[in-house]
Amino acid sequence: MLPALCLIRGNAVCTVEVWNMIRQYDTTVRWRLYGEWKTKTYKSHPELRVRAVQVDREAKGILRRLSHNTIDSLAGPVAKLAHSNPCIFFGNAVNQIMAYDNLAGVVIQVLKYSTNMSFDVLVFVILDALANPNKERVKDDGVNTTDWLQSLSSTFSASTALSHHYSPPLPPQVSPLSPGCYSGGTAQI
């Protein structure tokens, strides 16, 4: 199902139907599927490789133009990319958010047409980035949290707050992260 979804361009109905099947699985099983989708699926077939390159270019182009002034005009194209290729779009978005701290709020605001599956993949991508052991968590002074971690934690807390319509509750292993992200206490993450 997920490889076929990659090739469908921005059809929310198909995404909702796939989500209705996938949401029946446990969170860890869904996130394993997303991990395989992100790392292996796009490499498995030539058509998917081509589509991955196209979506990557589109996502980077949209994120380059994204600002407070363009939220309304870009919400539709963002939703179309997030419907069919959420791993690629949100992977790019999270990388941009880690690089530019002022982009987090804009990305969250532009997700107004996103589906539950998109929010589920977004939480997976954010937690995947937070779990990266190669990224420093504390600045060289040994006291302050790095900028990428502050940006990502604000995005995580905003996305979980915004996704009030997100049907599955956050899993127990994620729930303890939310209060720390809301209060700015990111050093313990």
Protein backbone atom coordinates (compact mmCIF):
# COMPACT_ATOMS: atom_id res chain seq x y z
CA MET A 1 0.00 0.00 0.00
CA LEU A 2 2.66 2.53 0.96
CA PRO A 3 4.68 2.16 -2.27
CA ALA A 4 1.51 2.69 -4.29
CA LEU A 5 0.60 5.74 -2.20
CA CYS A 6 3.92 7.34 -3.18
CA LEU A 7 2.92 7.33 -6.83
CA ILE A 8 -0.52 8.87 -6.29
CA ARG A 9 -0.24 12.63 -6.48
CA GLY A 10 -1.95 14.37 -3.58
CA ASN A 11 -5.12 12.33 -3.20
CA ALA A 12 -6.34 12.82 0.36
CA VAL A 13 -9.07 10.18 -0.03
CA CYS A 14 -6.50 7.45 -0.76
CA THR A 15 -4.37 8.62 2.17
CA VAL A 16 -7.35 8.48 4.52
CA GLU A 17 -8.21 4.96 3.33
CA VAL A 18 -4.61 3.80 3.82
CA TRP A 19 -4.62 5.46 7.25
CA ASN A 20 -7.83 3.63 8.19
CA MET A 21 -5.96 0.35 7.65
CA ILE A 22 -2.59 1.36 9.12
CA ARG A 23 -4.00 2.95 12.27
CA GLN A 24 -5.20 -0.47 13.38
CA TYR A 25 -1.58 -1.45 14.01
CA ASP A 26 0.29 -0.67 17.18
CA THR A 27 2.34 2.55 17.10
CA THR A 28 5.66 0.72 17.04
CA VAL A 29 4.55 -1.38 14.08
CA ARG A 30 3.37 1.72 12.20
CA TRP A 31 6.63 3.49 12.90
CA ARG A 32 8.59 0.47 11.68
CA LEU A 33 6.57 0.66 8.47
CA TYR A 34 7.38 4.37 8.19
CA GLY A 35 11.06 3.66 8.80
CA GLU A 36 11.12 1.07 6.03
CA TRP A 37 9.14 3.42 3.80
CA LYS A 38 11.66 6.19 4.45
CA THR A 39 14.84 4.15 4.03
CA LYS A 40 14.12 1.17 1.76
CA THR A 41 10.91 1.53 -0.21
CA TYR A 42 12.01 4.39 -2.43
CA LYS A 43 15.14 2.45 -3.42
CA SER A 44 13.27 -0.73 -4.34
CA HIS A 45 11.83 0.26 -7.75
CA PRO A 46 12.97 2.65 -10.49
CA GLU A 47 9.58 4.43 -10.56
CA LEU A 48 9.80 5.08 -6.83
CA ARG A 49 13.36 6.39 -7.14
CA VAL A 50 12.22 8.86 -9.79
CA ARG A 51 9.24 9.90 -7.68
CA ALA A 52 11.46 10.36 -4.62
CA VAL A 53 13.71 12.76 -6.55
CA GLN A 54 10.68 14.69 -7.83
CA VAL A 55 9.12 14.98 -4.38
CA ASP A 56 12.44 15.97 -2.83
CA ARG A 57 12.80 18.82 -5.34
CA GLU A 58 9.19 19.92 -4.85
CA ALA A 59 9.52 19.83 -1.06
CA LYS A 60 12.74 21.85 -1.07
CA GLY A 61 11.19 24.38 -3.46
CA ILE A 62 8.12 24.81 -1.27
CA LEU A 63 10.17 25.08 1.91
CA ARG A 64 12.39 27.70 0.26
CA ARG A 65 9.34 29.86 -0.52
CA LEU A 66 7.63 29.26 2.83
CA SER A 67 7.16 32.35 5.02
CA HIS A 68 4.44 34.01 7.09
CA ASN A 69 3.20 35.73 3.91
CA THR A 70 2.89 32.53 1.85
CA ILE A 71 1.16 30.21 4.33
CA ASP A 72 -2.25 30.39 2.64
CA SER A 73 -0.93 29.93 -0.88
CA LEU A 74 1.38 27.03 0.02
CA ALA A 75 -0.93 25.09 2.36
CA GLY A 76 -2.49 23.20 -0.58
CA PRO A 77 0.80 22.13 -2.23
CA VAL A 78 2.18 21.12 1.19
CA ALA A 79 -0.90 19.01 1.89
CA LYS A 80 -0.62 17.30 -1.51
CA LEU A 81 2.99 16.35 -0.88
CA ALA A 82 2.27 15.31 2.71
CA HIS A 83 -0.64 13.12 1.59
CA SER A 84 1.35 10.90 -0.72
CA ASN A 85 4.99 11.27 0.39
CA PRO A 86 5.03 12.39 4.02
CA CYS A 87 8.39 10.80 4.86
CA ILE A 88 10.22 12.82 2.21
CA PHE A 89 8.36 16.08 2.82
CA PHE A 90 8.60 15.96 6.61
CA GLY A 91 12.21 14.76 6.45
CA ASN A 92 13.08 17.89 4.49
CA ALA A 93 10.92 20.08 6.73
CA VAL A 94 12.53 18.77 9.92
CA ASN A 95 16.01 19.29 8.47
CA GLN A 96 15.09 22.88 7.60
CA ILE A 97 13.60 23.45 11.05
CA MET A 98 16.80 22.20 12.68
CA ALA A 99 18.80 24.64 10.53
CA TYR A 100 16.51 27.68 10.79
CA ASP A 101 14.82 28.30 14.14
CA ASN A 102 12.24 30.75 12.75
CA LEU A 103 10.76 28.17 10.37
CA ALA A 104 9.14 25.91 12.98
CA GLY A 105 6.00 27.98 13.53
CA VAL A 106 5.46 28.55 9.83
CA VAL A 107 5.73 24.84 9.02
CA ILE A 108 3.19 23.99 11.73
CA GLN A 109 0.77 26.66 10.46
CA VAL A 110 0.97 25.41 6.87
CA LEU A 111 -0.15 21.92 7.94
CA LYS A 112 -3.79 22.93 8.29
CA TYR A 113 -4.95 20.58 5.51
CA SER A 114 -2.87 17.61 6.61
CA THR A 115 -4.37 14.23 7.44
CA ASN A 116 -4.00 12.11 10.56
CA MET A 117 -1.49 9.94 8.74
CA SER A 118 0.60 13.02 7.96
CA PHE A 119 0.67 13.96 11.64
CA ASP A 120 1.58 10.40 12.58
CA VAL A 121 4.49 10.44 10.12
CA LEU A 122 5.51 13.91 11.36
CA VAL A 123 5.77 12.65 14.94
CA PHE A 124 7.81 9.68 13.69
CA VAL A 125 10.19 11.90 11.70
CA ILE A 126 10.67 14.32 14.61
CA LEU A 127 11.37 11.50 17.07
CA ASP A 128 13.73 9.91 14.55
CA ALA A 129 15.66 13.18 14.37
CA LEU A 130 15.65 13.54 18.17
CA ALA A 131 17.01 10.01 18.51
CA ASN A 132 20.02 10.72 16.30
CA PRO A 133 23.02 9.91 18.54
CA ASN A 134 25.43 11.85 16.30
CA LYS A 135 23.86 15.24 17.04
CA GLU A 136 25.14 17.26 19.99
CA ARG A 137 22.48 18.13 22.55
CA VAL A 138 24.34 20.84 24.49
CA LYS A 139 26.32 23.81 23.18
CA ASP A 140 30.07 24.07 23.75
CA ASP A 141 29.47 26.02 26.97
CA GLY A 142 28.04 22.82 28.48
CA VAL A 143 24.97 24.60 29.83
CA ASN A 144 22.68 25.70 27.01
CA THR A 145 20.70 23.47 24.67
CA THR A 146 21.69 23.49 21.00
CA ASP A 147 19.58 25.54 18.61
CA TRP A 148 18.50 22.55 16.51
CA LEU A 149 17.16 20.78 19.59
CA GLN A 150 15.24 23.86 20.76
CA SER A 151 13.70 24.31 17.30
CA LEU A 152 12.78 20.65 17.01
CA SER A 153 11.28 20.48 20.49
CA SER A 154 9.12 23.54 19.81
CA THR A 155 7.96 21.91 16.57
CA PHE A 156 7.18 18.66 18.40
CA SER A 157 5.17 20.40 21.10
CA ALA A 158 3.34 22.56 18.55
CA SER A 159 2.55 19.60 16.30
CA THR A 160 1.17 17.54 19.17
CA ALA A 161 -0.89 20.50 20.38
CA LEU A 162 -2.12 21.32 16.88
CA SER A 163 -3.06 17.78 16.05
CA HIS A 164 -6.02 17.78 18.41
CA HIS A 165 -7.88 15.89 15.72
CA TYR A 166 -5.10 13.31 15.61
CA SER A 167 -7.03 10.15 16.38
CA PRO A 168 -4.51 7.83 18.06
CA PRO A 169 -3.18 9.25 21.31
CA LEU A 170 0.55 9.67 21.62
CA PRO A 171 2.15 6.42 22.70
CA PRO A 172 3.33 6.08 26.31
CA GLN A 173 7.00 6.31 25.34
CA VAL A 174 6.39 9.74 23.75
CA SER A 175 4.06 11.29 26.34
CA PRO A 176 6.86 12.13 28.82
CA LEU A 177 8.57 14.22 26.11
CA SER A 178 5.65 16.59 25.66
CA PRO A 179 5.80 18.44 29.01
CA GLY A 180 9.54 18.98 28.61
CA CYS A 181 9.06 20.35 25.11
CA TYR A 182 6.19 22.61 26.18
CA SER A 183 8.16 24.12 29.04
CA GLY A 184 11.38 24.50 27.07
CA GLY A 185 13.16 21.85 29.14
CA THR A 186 14.95 20.19 26.27
CA ALA A 187 18.24 19.32 27.95
CA GLN A 188 16.89 16.01 29.29
CA ILE A 189 15.62 14.84 25.88
